[in-house]
C-alpha cells in the first residue's frame, strides 16, 4: 500500500498532460483502494478469529469454574436438609447455586465485554464457594467468612446481572 500511495503522490506532483498518464494514476488509485479494503477485511477477520478463540476458551473454563459454586451449595443444602446447618444458610446457598448454574451452563455471547464479565463471574463464584466452605467450618474466623460469603454472593449476582445488560 505504501508503494501505491507514493506512486499516486509522485504522479500528482505535476498535473499529467497525457490521458494515458491520467489513466495510469486512476488505475493506481483503484489498486490502492482495493488494497486498503483487503487490508481492512483481513484485519476484521483476524479480530473475529481472536474473539472466537477467547469465546471458546471462556466457555471451556467457566464450566470448570462453575463446579465449586454448584457443588458446595448442594453439599451445604444437604447439611441443611439433615438439620446439621440452620435453614438461614439457604439465603446464601440458593443464589450461589443459581449463579453457578448460570455461570456454567448459560450461553456466552461472542462479545468481548460479555466474555470478560462471565470470566469475572466465574472467579467471583469460585471465591465465594471457598468462603462458604470456610464459613461452614467451625473456627474463629467463620463469622468473617460468613459476611464475606454474603458479599460474594451479592457480587457474583451483580456481575451476572451486569453481563446480561451488555448489548
C-alpha atoms as a PDB file:
ATOM      1  CA  UNK A   1       0.000   0.000   0.000  1.00  0.00           C
ATOM      2  CA  UNK A   2       2.865   2.346   0.793  1.00  0.00           C
ATOM      3  CA  UNK A   3       4.328   1.938  -2.686  1.00  0.00           C
ATOM      4  CA  UNK A   4       0.940   2.598  -4.295  1.00  0.00           C
ATOM      5  CA  UNK A   5       0.450   5.751  -2.223  1.00  0.00           C
ATOM      6  CA  UNK A   6       3.896   7.005  -3.172  1.00  0.00           C
ATOM      7  CA  UNK A   7       3.255   6.295  -6.884  1.00  0.00           C
ATOM      8  CA  UNK A   8      -0.004   8.211  -6.635  1.00  0.00           C
ATOM      9  CA  UNK A   9       1.667  11.177  -4.910  1.00  0.00           C
ATOM     10  CA  UNK A  10       4.506  11.224  -7.416  1.00  0.00           C
ATOM     11  CA  UNK A  11       2.051  11.232 -10.298  1.00  0.00           C
ATOM     12  CA  UNK A  12       0.046  14.120  -8.828  1.00  0.00           C
ATOM     13  CA  UNK A  13       3.056  16.378  -8.135  1.00  0.00           C
ATOM     14  CA  UNK A  14       2.773  17.762 -11.632  1.00  0.00           C
ATOM     15  CA  UNK A  15      -0.503  17.788 -13.497  1.00  0.00           C
ATOM     16  CA  UNK A  16      -0.485  14.992 -16.046  1.00  0.00           C
ATOM     17  CA  UNK A  17      -0.608  16.227 -19.595  1.00  0.00           C
ATOM     18  CA  UNK A  18      -1.333  12.917 -21.208  1.00  0.00           C
ATOM     19  CA  UNK A  19      -4.542  10.904 -20.970  1.00  0.00           C
ATOM     20  CA  UNK A  20      -2.603   7.659 -20.612  1.00  0.00           C
ATOM     21  CA  UNK A  21      -0.706   9.027 -17.602  1.00  0.00           C
ATOM     22  CA  UNK A  22      -4.004  10.084 -16.036  1.00  0.00           C
ATOM     23  CA  UNK A  23      -5.478   6.619 -16.686  1.00  0.00           C
ATOM     24  CA  UNK A  24      -2.441   5.072 -15.044  1.00  0.00           C
ATOM     25  CA  UNK A  25      -2.930   7.307 -11.982  1.00  0.00           C
ATOM     26  CA  UNK A  26      -6.599   6.336 -11.791  1.00  0.00           C
ATOM     27  CA  UNK A  27      -5.655   2.658 -12.042  1.00  0.00           C
ATOM     28  CA  UNK A  28      -3.104   3.154  -9.236  1.00  0.00           C
ATOM     29  CA  UNK A  29      -5.793   4.826  -7.116  1.00  0.00           C
ATOM     30  CA  UNK A  30      -8.131   1.870  -7.715  1.00  0.00           C
ATOM     31  CA  UNK A  31      -5.396  -0.624  -6.785  1.00  0.00           C
ATOM     32  CA  UNK A  32      -4.713   1.402  -3.621  1.00  0.00           C
ATOM     33  CA  UNK A  33      -8.394   1.390  -2.702  1.00  0.00           C
ATOM     34  CA  UNK A  34      -8.641  -2.357  -3.325  1.00  0.00           C
ATOM     35  CA  UNK A  35      -5.543  -2.984  -1.197  1.00  0.00           C
ATOM     36  CA  UNK A  36      -6.939  -0.870   1.642  1.00  0.00           C
ATOM     37  CA  UNK A  37     -10.269  -2.726   1.510  1.00  0.00           C
ATOM     38  CA  UNK A  38      -8.496  -6.097   1.535  1.00  0.00           C
ATOM     39  CA  UNK A  39      -6.390  -4.946   4.499  1.00  0.00           C
ATOM     40  CA  UNK A  40      -9.471  -3.811   6.439  1.00  0.00           C
ATOM     41  CA  UNK A  41     -11.255  -7.085   5.695  1.00  0.00           C
ATOM     42  CA  UNK A  42      -8.242  -9.139   6.806  1.00  0.00           C
ATOM     43  CA  UNK A  43      -7.989  -7.089   9.986  1.00  0.00           C
ATOM     44  CA  UNK A  44     -11.689  -7.658  10.663  1.00  0.00           C
ATOM     45  CA  UNK A  45     -11.359 -11.424  10.072  1.00  0.00           C
ATOM     46  CA  UNK A  46      -8.361 -11.561  12.428  1.00  0.00           C
ATOM     47  CA  UNK A  47     -10.307  -9.733  15.155  1.00  0.00           C
ATOM     48  CA  UNK A  48     -13.227 -12.163  14.712  1.00  0.00           C
ATOM     49  CA  UNK A  49     -10.887 -15.152  14.917  1.00  0.00           C
ATOM     50  CA  UNK A  50      -9.313 -13.823  18.122  1.00  0.00           C
ATOM     51  CA  UNK A  51     -12.747 -13.208  19.635  1.00  0.00           C
ATOM     52  CA  UNK A  52     -13.866 -16.713  18.654  1.00  0.00           C
ATOM     53  CA  UNK A  53     -10.761 -18.164  20.283  1.00  0.00           C
ATOM     54  CA  UNK A  54     -11.422 -16.229  23.505  1.00  0.00           C
ATOM     55  CA  UNK A  55     -15.062 -17.294  23.378  1.00  0.00           C
ATOM     56  CA  UNK A  56     -14.217 -20.986  23.086  1.00  0.00           C
ATOM     57  CA  UNK A  57     -11.615 -20.784  25.865  1.00  0.00           C
ATOM     58  CA  UNK A  58     -14.057 -18.966  28.136  1.00  0.00           C
ATOM     59  CA  UNK A  59     -16.820 -21.488  27.510  1.00  0.00           C
ATOM     60  CA  UNK A  60     -14.486 -24.325  28.494  1.00  0.00           C
ATOM     61  CA  UNK A  61     -13.093 -22.529  31.535  1.00  0.00           C
ATOM     62  CA  UNK A  62     -16.401 -21.417  33.046  1.00  0.00           C
ATOM     63  CA  UNK A  63     -17.682 -24.992  33.130  1.00  0.00           C
ATOM     64  CA  UNK A  64     -14.753 -25.906  35.371  1.00  0.00           C
ATOM     65  CA  UNK A  65     -15.135 -22.749  37.442  1.00  0.00           C
ATOM     66  CA  UNK A  66     -18.847 -23.419  37.902  1.00  0.00           C
ATOM     67  CA  UNK A  67     -18.194 -26.711  39.697  1.00  0.00           C
ATOM     68  CA  UNK A  68     -17.437 -25.050  43.036  1.00  0.00           C
ATOM     69  CA  UNK A  69     -20.436 -22.657  43.076  1.00  0.00           C
ATOM     70  CA  UNK A  70     -22.732 -25.575  42.201  1.00  0.00           C
ATOM     71  CA  UNK A  71     -21.339 -28.413  44.307  1.00  0.00           C
ATOM     72  CA  UNK A  72     -20.578 -26.538  47.539  1.00  0.00           C
ATOM     73  CA  UNK A  73     -24.154 -25.199  47.902  1.00  0.00           C
ATOM     74  CA  UNK A  74     -25.513 -28.671  47.079  1.00  0.00           C
ATOM     75  CA  UNK A  75     -23.495 -30.264  49.875  1.00  0.00           C
ATOM     76  CA  UNK A  76     -24.386 -27.444  52.262  1.00  0.00           C
ATOM     77  CA  UNK A  77     -28.065 -27.772  51.331  1.00  0.00           C
ATOM     78  CA  UNK A  78     -27.854 -31.473  52.182  1.00  0.00           C
ATOM     79  CA  UNK A  79     -26.486 -30.441  55.578  1.00  0.00           C
ATOM     80  CA  UNK A  80     -29.467 -28.095  55.959  1.00  0.00           C
ATOM     81  CA  UNK A  81     -31.806 -30.912  54.952  1.00  0.00           C
ATOM     82  CA  UNK A  82     -30.369 -33.197  57.640  1.00  0.00           C
ATOM     83  CA  UNK A  83     -30.576 -30.336  60.176  1.00  0.00           C
ATOM     84  CA  UNK A  84     -26.833 -30.011  60.639  1.00  0.00           C
ATOM     85  CA  UNK A  85     -26.995 -26.384  59.490  1.00  0.00           C
ATOM     86  CA  UNK A  86     -29.602 -23.719  60.102  1.00  0.00           C
ATOM     87  CA  UNK A  87     -32.153 -23.084  57.321  1.00  0.00           C
ATOM     88  CA  UNK A  88     -30.925 -19.466  57.261  1.00  0.00           C
ATOM     89  CA  UNK A  89     -27.991 -20.716  55.198  1.00  0.00           C
ATOM     90  CA  UNK A  90     -30.402 -21.209  52.311  1.00  0.00           C
ATOM     91  CA  UNK A  91     -30.394 -17.432  51.769  1.00  0.00           C
ATOM     92  CA  UNK A  92     -26.782 -17.761  50.621  1.00  0.00           C
ATOM     93  CA  UNK A  93     -26.931 -21.263  49.171  1.00  0.00           C
ATOM     94  CA  UNK A  94     -29.785 -20.867  46.695  1.00  0.00           C
ATOM     95  CA  UNK A  95     -28.468 -17.705  44.952  1.00  0.00           C
ATOM     96  CA  UNK A  96     -24.941 -19.128  44.804  1.00  0.00           C
ATOM     97  CA  UNK A  97     -26.258 -22.377  43.342  1.00  0.00           C
ATOM     98  CA  UNK A  98     -28.307 -20.473  40.745  1.00  0.00           C
ATOM     99  CA  UNK A  99     -25.315 -18.283  39.873  1.00  0.00           C
ATOM    100  CA  UNK A 100     -23.138 -21.376  39.487  1.00  0.00           C
ATOM    101  CA  UNK A 101     -25.650 -22.944  37.128  1.00  0.00           C
ATOM    102  CA  UNK A 102     -25.820 -19.759  35.072  1.00  0.00           C
ATOM    103  CA  UNK A 103     -22.020 -19.426  35.008  1.00  0.00           C
ATOM    104  CA  UNK A 104     -21.534 -22.989  33.855  1.00  0.00           C
ATOM    105  CA  UNK A 105     -24.461 -23.567  31.553  1.00  0.00           C
ATOM    106  CA  UNK A 106     -25.726 -20.165  30.465  1.00  0.00           C
ATOM    107  CA  UNK A 107     -24.988 -19.079  26.906  1.00  0.00           C
ATOM    108  CA  UNK A 108     -21.884 -16.936  26.410  1.00  0.00           C
ATOM    109  CA  UNK A 109     -22.357 -14.468  23.584  1.00  0.00           C
ATOM    110  CA  UNK A 110     -19.463 -13.654  21.253  1.00  0.00           C
ATOM    111  CA  UNK A 111     -18.943 -10.138  22.588  1.00  0.00           C
ATOM    112  CA  UNK A 112     -15.693  -9.175  24.273  1.00  0.00           C
ATOM    113  CA  UNK A 113     -17.377  -7.486  27.243  1.00  0.00           C
ATOM    114  CA  UNK A 114     -19.679 -10.473  27.830  1.00  0.00           C
ATOM    115  CA  UNK A 115     -16.733 -12.857  27.778  1.00  0.00           C
ATOM    116  CA  UNK A 116     -14.857 -10.673  30.264  1.00  0.00           C
ATOM    117  CA  UNK A 117     -17.858 -10.396  32.611  1.00  0.00           C
ATOM    118  CA  UNK A 118     -18.546 -14.147  32.510  1.00  0.00           C
ATOM    119  CA  UNK A 119     -14.920 -14.807  33.467  1.00  0.00           C
ATOM    120  CA  UNK A 120     -15.227 -12.341  36.361  1.00  0.00           C
ATOM    121  CA  UNK A 121     -18.449 -14.008  37.494  1.00  0.00           C
ATOM    122  CA  UNK A 122     -16.762 -17.418  37.375  1.00  0.00           C
ATOM    123  CA  UNK A 123     -13.920 -16.182  39.549  1.00  0.00           C
ATOM    124  CA  UNK A 124     -16.323 -14.464  41.960  1.00  0.00           C
ATOM    125  CA  UNK A 125     -18.450 -17.595  42.254  1.00  0.00           C
ATOM    126  CA  UNK A 126     -15.438 -19.814  42.912  1.00  0.00           C
ATOM    127  CA  UNK A 127     -14.028 -17.482  45.563  1.00  0.00           C
ATOM    128  CA  UNK A 128     -17.468 -17.261  47.172  1.00  0.00           C
ATOM    129  CA  UNK A 129     -17.706 -21.062  47.263  1.00  0.00           C
ATOM    130  CA  UNK A 130     -14.336 -21.247  49.038  1.00  0.00           C
ATOM    131  CA  UNK A 131     -15.500 -18.589  51.504  1.00  0.00           C
ATOM    132  CA  UNK A 132     -18.677 -20.591  52.081  1.00  0.00           C
ATOM    133  CA  UNK A 133     -16.666 -23.692  52.937  1.00  0.00           C
ATOM    134  CA  UNK A 134     -14.548 -21.629  55.329  1.00  0.00           C
ATOM    135  CA  UNK A 135     -17.718 -20.170  56.887  1.00  0.00           C
ATOM    136  CA  UNK A 136     -19.205 -23.624  57.468  1.00  0.00           C
ATOM    137  CA  UNK A 137     -16.112 -24.962  59.228  1.00  0.00           C
ATOM    138  CA  UNK A 138     -16.257 -24.007  62.925  1.00  0.00           C
ATOM    139  CA  UNK A 139     -13.254 -21.825  63.704  1.00  0.00           C
ATOM    140  CA  UNK A 140     -12.586 -18.297  64.948  1.00  0.00           C
ATOM    141  CA  UNK A 141     -12.847 -16.643  61.521  1.00  0.00           C
ATOM    142  CA  UNK A 142     -16.092 -18.266  60.439  1.00  0.00           C
ATOM    143  CA  UNK A 143     -18.123 -15.127  61.248  1.00  0.00           C
ATOM    144  CA  UNK A 144     -15.930 -13.041  58.966  1.00  0.00           C
ATOM    145  CA  UNK A 145     -16.155 -15.698  56.254  1.00  0.00           C
ATOM    146  CA  UNK A 146     -19.944 -15.740  56.608  1.00  0.00           C
ATOM    147  CA  UNK A 147     -20.090 -11.996  55.994  1.00  0.00           C
ATOM    148  CA  UNK A 148     -17.669 -12.295  53.073  1.00  0.00           C
ATOM    149  CA  UNK A 149     -19.773 -15.149  51.667  1.00  0.00           C
ATOM    150  CA  UNK A 150     -22.864 -12.944  51.697  1.00  0.00           C
ATOM    151  CA  UNK A 151     -20.924 -10.175  49.957  1.00  0.00           C
ATOM    152  CA  UNK A 152     -19.520 -12.672  47.460  1.00  0.00           C
ATOM    153  CA  UNK A 153     -22.980 -13.993  46.607  1.00  0.00           C
ATOM    154  CA  UNK A 154     -24.159 -10.415  46.024  1.00  0.00           C
ATOM    155  CA  UNK A 155     -21.077  -9.618  43.930  1.00  0.00           C
ATOM    156  CA  UNK A 156     -21.460 -12.749  41.807  1.00  0.00           C
ATOM    157  CA  UNK A 157     -25.110 -11.942  41.179  1.00  0.00           C
ATOM    158  CA  UNK A 158     -24.247  -8.332  40.370  1.00  0.00           C
ATOM    159  CA  UNK A 159     -21.602  -9.344  37.822  1.00  0.00           C
ATOM    160  CA  UNK A 160     -24.025 -11.756  36.148  1.00  0.00           C
ATOM    161  CA  UNK A 161     -26.720  -9.074  36.108  1.00  0.00           C
ATOM    162  CA  UNK A 162     -24.252  -6.600  34.587  1.00  0.00           C
ATOM    163  CA  UNK A 163     -23.307  -9.193  31.960  1.00  0.00           C
ATOM    164  CA  UNK A 164     -26.958  -9.637  31.000  1.00  0.00           C
ATOM    165  CA  UNK A 165     -27.270  -5.875  30.408  1.00  0.00           C
ATOM    166  CA  UNK A 166     -24.441  -5.706  27.855  1.00  0.00           C
ATOM    167  CA  UNK A 167     -25.894  -5.126  24.383  1.00  0.00           C
END
